[in-house]
Amino acid sequence: MKNNEIQALSADQLKEQIAQEKERLLRLKFAHAVSPIENPMRIRASRKQIARLNTELTVKSNQQQS
């Protein structure tokens, strides 16, 4: 998901995407702990995606308060 797609989402959609991404990260970590996954960089990419979503959610909540 690109940054302009993230910016187009509403706050509720962002929260839903964050929950889905956290679940995906958890599954990746468990799979990697059991046996090394094929591409461990997916864990880093998932963490970065969660950070992007959280940042945009913070921006939207600050805009609503102002």
PDB file of N, CA and C in Angstrom:
ATOM      1  N   MET A   1       0.854  -1.166   0.000  1.00  0.00           N
ATOM      2  CA  MET A   1       0.000   0.000   0.000  1.00  0.00           C
ATOM      3  C   MET A   1       0.904   1.235   0.000  1.00  0.00           C
ATOM      4  N   LYS A   2       0.632   2.124  -0.926  1.00  0.00           N
ATOM      5  CA  LYS A   2       1.459   3.318  -1.060  1.00  0.00           C
ATOM      6  C   LYS A   2       0.949   4.426  -0.129  1.00  0.00           C
ATOM      7  N   ASN A   3       1.804   5.428   0.077  1.00  0.00           N
ATOM      8  CA  ASN A   3       1.463   6.502   1.012  1.00  0.00           C
ATOM      9  C   ASN A   3       0.215   7.263   0.590  1.00  0.00           C
ATOM     10  N   ASN A   4       0.031   7.507  -0.713  1.00  0.00           N
ATOM     11  CA  ASN A   4      -1.166   8.236  -1.132  1.00  0.00           C
ATOM     12  C   ASN A   4      -2.422   7.401  -0.916  1.00  0.00           C
ATOM     13  N   GLU A   5      -2.307   6.084  -0.990  1.00  0.00           N
ATOM     14  CA  GLU A   5      -3.449   5.210  -0.688  1.00  0.00           C
ATOM     15  C   GLU A   5      -3.756   5.246   0.807  1.00  0.00           C
ATOM     16  N   ILE A   6      -2.712   5.299   1.617  1.00  0.00           N
ATOM     17  CA  ILE A   6      -2.895   5.355   3.068  1.00  0.00           C
ATOM     18  C   ILE A   6      -3.571   6.670   3.455  1.00  0.00           C
ATOM     19  N   GLN A   7      -3.166   7.772   2.835  1.00  0.00           N
ATOM     20  CA  GLN A   7      -3.735   9.076   3.148  1.00  0.00           C
ATOM     21  C   GLN A   7      -5.209   9.157   2.771  1.00  0.00           C
ATOM     22  N   ALA A   8      -5.647   8.353   1.805  1.00  0.00           N
ATOM     23  CA  ALA A   8      -7.032   8.384   1.364  1.00  0.00           C
ATOM     24  C   ALA A   8      -7.965   7.628   2.315  1.00  0.00           C
ATOM     25  N   LEU A   9      -7.411   6.837   3.223  1.00  0.00           N
ATOM     26  CA  LEU A   9      -8.229   6.047   4.134  1.00  0.00           C
ATOM     27  C   LEU A   9      -8.780   6.903   5.273  1.00  0.00           C
ATOM     28  N   SER A  10      -9.938   6.495   5.787  1.00  0.00           N
ATOM     29  CA  SER A  10     -10.508   7.173   6.954  1.00  0.00           C
ATOM     30  C   SER A  10      -9.852   6.613   8.221  1.00  0.00           C
ATOM     31  N   ALA A  11     -10.137   7.231   9.350  1.00  0.00           N
ATOM     32  CA  ALA A  11      -9.544   6.801  10.616  1.00  0.00           C
ATOM     33  C   ALA A  11      -9.969   5.375  10.964  1.00  0.00           C
ATOM     34  N   ASP A  12     -11.232   5.038  10.727  1.00  0.00           N
ATOM     35  CA  ASP A  12     -11.705   3.678  11.017  1.00  0.00           C
ATOM     36  C   ASP A  12     -11.020   2.656  10.122  1.00  0.00           C
ATOM     37  N   GLN A  13     -10.854   3.008   8.860  1.00  0.00           N
ATOM     38  CA  GLN A  13     -10.176   2.106   7.932  1.00  0.00           C
ATOM     39  C   GLN A  13      -8.709   1.934   8.320  1.00  0.00           C
ATOM     40  N   LEU A  14      -8.098   3.004   8.794  1.00  0.00           N
ATOM     41  CA  LEU A  14      -6.709   2.916   9.243  1.00  0.00           C
ATOM     42  C   LEU A  14      -6.583   1.969  10.434  1.00  0.00           C
ATOM     43  N   LYS A  15      -7.504   2.090  11.389  1.00  0.00           N
ATOM     44  CA  LYS A  15      -7.470   1.205  12.552  1.00  0.00           C
ATOM     45  C   LYS A  15      -7.638  -0.249  12.138  1.00  0.00           C
ATOM     46  N   GLU A  16      -8.516  -0.496  11.177  1.00  0.00           N
ATOM     47  CA  GLU A  16      -8.728  -1.852  10.679  1.00  0.00           C
ATOM     48  C   GLU A  16      -7.474  -2.379   9.986  1.00  0.00           C
ATOM     49  N   GLN A  17      -6.839  -1.544   9.180  1.00  0.00           N
ATOM     50  CA  GLN A  17      -5.614  -1.943   8.488  1.00  0.00           C
ATOM     51  C   GLN A  17      -4.483  -2.219   9.485  1.00  0.00           C
ATOM     52  N   ILE A  18      -4.399  -1.413  10.538  1.00  0.00           N
ATOM     53  CA  ILE A  18      -3.369  -1.621  11.559  1.00  0.00           C
ATOM     54  C   ILE A  18      -3.578  -2.971  12.233  1.00  0.00           C
ATOM     55  N   ALA A  19      -4.811  -3.290  12.572  1.00  0.00           N
ATOM     56  CA  ALA A  19      -5.107  -4.568  13.212  1.00  0.00           C
ATOM     57  C   ALA A  19      -4.739  -5.734  12.296  1.00  0.00           C
ATOM     58  N   GLN A  20      -5.068  -5.627  11.018  1.00  0.00           N
ATOM     59  CA  GLN A  20      -4.734  -6.687  10.068  1.00  0.00           C
ATOM     60  C   GLN A  20      -3.225  -6.843   9.922  1.00  0.00           C
ATOM     61  N   GLU A  21      -2.528  -5.736   9.852  1.00  0.00           N
ATOM     62  CA  GLU A  21      -1.076  -5.777   9.676  1.00  0.00           C
ATOM     63  C   GLU A  21      -0.387  -6.340  10.916  1.00  0.00           C
ATOM     64  N   LYS A  22      -0.906  -6.011  12.106  1.00  0.00           N
ATOM     65  CA  LYS A  22      -0.331  -6.564  13.340  1.00  0.00           C
ATOM     66  C   LYS A  22      -0.537  -8.069  13.397  1.00  0.00           C
ATOM     67  N   GLU A  23      -1.701  -8.520  12.951  1.00  0.00           N
ATOM     68  CA  GLU A  23      -1.972  -9.960  12.912  1.00  0.00           C
ATOM     69  C   GLU A  23      -1.017 -10.646  11.932  1.00  0.00           C
ATOM     70  N   ARG A  24      -0.785 -10.026  10.784  1.00  0.00           N
ATOM     71  CA  ARG A  24       0.127 -10.573   9.782  1.00  0.00           C
ATOM     72  C   ARG A  24       1.553 -10.638  10.350  1.00  0.00           C
ATOM     73  N   LEU A  25       1.964  -9.599  11.068  1.00  0.00           N
ATOM     74  CA  LEU A  25       3.298  -9.571  11.665  1.00  0.00           C
ATOM     75  C   LEU A  25       3.437 -10.676  12.704  1.00  0.00           C
ATOM     76  N   LEU A  26       2.417 -10.867  13.509  1.00  0.00           N
ATOM     77  CA  LEU A  26       2.453 -11.917  14.523  1.00  0.00           C
ATOM     78  C   LEU A  26       2.611 -13.292  13.881  1.00  0.00           C
ATOM     79  N   ARG A  27       1.840 -13.547  12.810  1.00  0.00           N
ATOM     80  CA  ARG A  27       1.952 -14.833  12.110  1.00  0.00           C
ATOM     81  C   ARG A  27       3.335 -15.020  11.496  1.00  0.00           C
ATOM     82  N   LEU A  28       3.896 -13.942  10.939  1.00  0.00           N
ATOM     83  CA  LEU A  28       5.237 -14.023  10.357  1.00  0.00           C
ATOM     84  C   LEU A  28       6.280 -14.345  11.430  1.00  0.00           C
ATOM     85  N   LYS A  29       6.160 -13.707  12.584  1.00  0.00           N
ATOM     86  CA  LYS A  29       7.113 -13.962  13.663  1.00  0.00           C
ATOM     87  C   LYS A  29       7.027 -15.406  14.155  1.00  0.00           C
ATOM     88  N   PHE A  30       5.812 -15.912  14.303  1.00  0.00           N
ATOM     89  CA  PHE A  30       5.651 -17.302  14.731  1.00  0.00           C
ATOM     90  C   PHE A  30       6.218 -18.257  13.693  1.00  0.00           C
ATOM     91  N   ALA A  31       5.932 -18.014  12.431  1.00  0.00           N
ATOM     92  CA  ALA A  31       6.444 -18.877  11.362  1.00  0.00           C
ATOM     93  C   ALA A  31       7.965 -18.841  11.328  1.00  0.00           C
ATOM     94  N   HIS A  32       8.535 -17.679  11.556  1.00  0.00           N
ATOM     95  CA  HIS A  32       9.985 -17.549  11.532  1.00  0.00           C
ATOM     96  C   HIS A  32      10.622 -18.223  12.746  1.00  0.00           C
ATOM     97  N   ALA A  33       9.935 -18.237  13.875  1.00  0.00           N
ATOM     98  CA  ALA A  33      10.467 -18.880  15.072  1.00  0.00           C
ATOM     99  C   ALA A  33      10.480 -20.397  14.920  1.00  0.00           C
ATOM    100  N   VAL A  34       9.464 -20.931  14.249  1.00  0.00           N
ATOM    101  CA  VAL A  34       9.365 -22.376  14.069  1.00  0.00           C
ATOM    102  C   VAL A  34      10.397 -22.858  13.058  1.00  0.00           C
ATOM    103  N   SER A  35      10.388 -22.234  11.914  1.00  0.00           N
ATOM    104  CA  SER A  35      11.376 -22.552  10.888  1.00  0.00           C
ATOM    105  C   SER A  35      11.634 -21.276  10.098  1.00  0.00           C
ATOM    106  N   PRO A  36      12.860 -21.051   9.708  1.00  0.00           N
ATOM    107  CA  PRO A  36      13.172 -19.792   9.011  1.00  0.00           C
ATOM    108  C   PRO A  36      12.294 -19.587   7.773  1.00  0.00           C
ATOM    109  N   ILE A  37      11.683 -18.423   7.680  1.00  0.00           N
ATOM    110  CA  ILE A  37      10.839 -18.148   6.521  1.00  0.00           C
ATOM    111  C   ILE A  37      11.723 -17.799   5.335  1.00  0.00           C
ATOM    112  N   GLU A  38      11.155 -17.924   4.146  1.00  0.00           N
ATOM    113  CA  GLU A  38      11.917 -17.745   2.912  1.00  0.00           C
ATOM    114  C   GLU A  38      12.478 -16.329   2.789  1.00  0.00           C
ATOM    115  N   ASN A  39      11.660 -15.331   3.147  1.00  0.00           N
ATOM    116  CA  ASN A  39      12.096 -13.945   3.018  1.00  0.00           C
ATOM    117  C   ASN A  39      11.883 -13.221   4.354  1.00  0.00           C
ATOM    118  N   PRO A  40      12.885 -13.216   5.230  1.00  0.00           N
ATOM    119  CA  PRO A  40      12.714 -12.578   6.538  1.00  0.00           C
ATOM    120  C   PRO A  40      12.560 -11.062   6.461  1.00  0.00           C
ATOM    121  N   MET A  41      12.848 -10.452   5.321  1.00  0.00           N
ATOM    122  CA  MET A  41      12.665  -9.004   5.175  1.00  0.00           C
ATOM    123  C   MET A  41      11.187  -8.621   5.215  1.00  0.00           C
ATOM    124  N   ARG A  42      10.289  -9.599   5.031  1.00  0.00           N
ATOM    125  CA  ARG A  42       8.860  -9.312   5.124  1.00  0.00           C
ATOM    126  C   ARG A  42       8.485  -8.865   6.530  1.00  0.00           C
ATOM    127  N   ILE A  43       9.217  -9.340   7.539  1.00  0.00           N
ATOM    128  CA  ILE A  43       8.954  -8.920   8.917  1.00  0.00           C
ATOM    129  C   ILE A  43       9.250  -7.433   9.052  1.00  0.00           C
ATOM    130  N   ARG A  44      10.375  -6.992   8.523  1.00  0.00           N
ATOM    131  CA  ARG A  44      10.738  -5.576   8.593  1.00  0.00           C
ATOM    132  C   ARG A  44       9.746  -4.729   7.810  1.00  0.00           C
ATOM    133  N   ALA A  45       9.349  -5.204   6.635  1.00  0.00           N
ATOM    134  CA  ALA A  45       8.395  -4.457   5.812  1.00  0.00           C
ATOM    135  C   ALA A  45       7.051  -4.322   6.524  1.00  0.00           C
ATOM    136  N   SER A  46       6.648  -5.359   7.224  1.00  0.00           N
ATOM    137  CA  SER A  46       5.384  -5.324   7.952  1.00  0.00           C
ATOM    138  C   SER A  46       5.450  -4.315   9.096  1.00  0.00           C
ATOM    139  N   ARG A  47       6.569  -4.282   9.821  1.00  0.00           N
ATOM    140  CA  ARG A  47       6.730  -3.307  10.902  1.00  0.00           C
ATOM    141  C   ARG A  47       6.690  -1.884  10.362  1.00  0.00           C
ATOM    142  N   LYS A  48       7.335  -1.659   9.228  1.00  0.00           N
ATOM    143  CA  LYS A  48       7.346  -0.328   8.631  1.00  0.00           C
ATOM    144  C   LYS A  48       5.946   0.077   8.177  1.00  0.00           C
ATOM    145  N   GLN A  49       5.184  -0.877   7.641  1.00  0.00           N
ATOM    146  CA  GLN A  49       3.824  -0.583   7.207  1.00  0.00           C
ATOM    147  C   GLN A  49       2.961  -0.183   8.396  1.00  0.00           C
ATOM    148  N   ILE A  50       3.115  -0.883   9.516  1.00  0.00           N
ATOM    149  CA  ILE A  50       2.375  -0.540  10.733  1.00  0.00           C
ATOM    150  C   ILE A  50       2.739   0.871  11.173  1.00  0.00           C
ATOM    151  N   ALA A  51       4.011   1.224  11.106  1.00  0.00           N
ATOM    152  CA  ALA A  51       4.450   2.562  11.494  1.00  0.00           C
ATOM    153  C   ALA A  51       3.848   3.624  10.578  1.00  0.00           C
ATOM    154  N   ARG A  52       3.804   3.356   9.275  1.00  0.00           N
ATOM    155  CA  ARG A  52       3.200   4.304   8.332  1.00  0.00           C
ATOM    156  C   ARG A  52       1.723   4.519   8.647  1.00  0.00           C
ATOM    157  N   LEU A  53       1.019   3.422   8.910  1.00  0.00           N
ATOM    158  CA  LEU A  53      -0.405   3.514   9.221  1.00  0.00           C
ATOM    159  C   LEU A  53      -0.631   4.280  10.522  1.00  0.00           C
ATOM    160  N   ASN A  54       0.183   4.000  11.539  1.00  0.00           N
ATOM    161  CA  ASN A  54       0.049   4.706  12.812  1.00  0.00           C
ATOM    162  C   ASN A  54       0.339   6.192  12.656  1.00  0.00           C
ATOM    163  N   THR A  55       1.330   6.528  11.844  1.00  0.00           N
ATOM    164  CA  THR A  55       1.658   7.931  11.617  1.00  0.00           C
ATOM    165  C   THR A  55       0.490   8.656  10.977  1.00  0.00           C
ATOM    166  N   GLU A  56      -0.110   8.053   9.959  1.00  0.00           N
ATOM    167  CA  GLU A  56      -1.239   8.697   9.282  1.00  0.00           C
ATOM    168  C   GLU A  56      -2.438   8.801  10.210  1.00  0.00           C
ATOM    169  N   LEU A  57      -2.649   7.810  11.068  1.00  0.00           N
ATOM    170  CA  LEU A  57      -3.743   7.858  12.035  1.00  0.00           C
ATOM    171  C   LEU A  57      -3.528   9.015  13.013  1.00  0.00           C
ATOM    172  N   THR A  58      -2.302   9.219  13.450  1.00  0.00           N
ATOM    173  CA  THR A  58      -1.981  10.338  14.343  1.00  0.00           C
ATOM    174  C   THR A  58      -2.230  11.671  13.654  1.00  0.00           C
ATOM    175  N   VAL A  59      -1.834  11.780  12.392  1.00  0.00           N
ATOM    176  CA  VAL A  59      -2.049  13.014  11.636  1.00  0.00           C
ATOM    177  C   VAL A  59      -3.539  13.309  11.537  1.00  0.00           C
ATOM    178  N   LYS A  60      -4.332  12.307  11.222  1.00  0.00           N
ATOM    179  CA  LYS A  60      -5.776  12.507  11.085  1.00  0.00           C
ATOM    180  C   LYS A  60      -6.415  12.881  12.430  1.00  0.00           C
ATOM    181  N   SER A  61      -5.977  12.267  13.515  1.00  0.00           N
ATOM    182  CA  SER A  61      -6.562  12.593  14.815  1.00  0.00           C
ATOM    183  C   SER A  61      -6.164  14.003  15.239  1.00  0.00           C
ATOM    184  N   ASN A  62      -4.962  14.447  14.909  1.00  0.00           N
ATOM    185  CA  ASN A  62      -4.549  15.811  15.230  1.00  0.00           C
ATOM    186  C   ASN A  62      -5.322  16.843  14.394  1.00  0.00           C
ATOM    187  N   GLN A  63      -5.639  16.498  13.166  1.00  0.00           N
ATOM    188  CA  GLN A  63      -6.430  17.397  12.317  1.00  0.00           C
ATOM    189  C   GLN A  63      -7.836  17.540  12.862  1.00  0.00           C
ATOM    190  N   GLN A  64      -8.406  16.472  13.382  1.00  0.00           N
ATOM    191  CA  GLN A  64      -9.760  16.535  13.910  1.00  0.00           C
ATOM    192  C   GLN A  64      -9.816  17.371  15.185  1.00  0.00           C
ATOM    193  N   GLN A  65      -8.755  17.340  15.979  1.00  0.00           N
ATOM    194  CA  GLN A  65      -8.728  18.096  17.232  1.00  0.00           C
ATOM    195  C   GLN A  65      -8.551  19.593  16.972  1.00  0.00           C
ATOM    196  N   SER A  66      -7.902  19.938  15.893  1.00  0.00           N
ATOM    197  CA  SER A  66      -7.652  21.357  15.601  1.00  0.00           C
ATOM    198  C   SER A  66      -8.855  22.050  15.021  1.00  0.00           C
TER     199      SER A  66
END
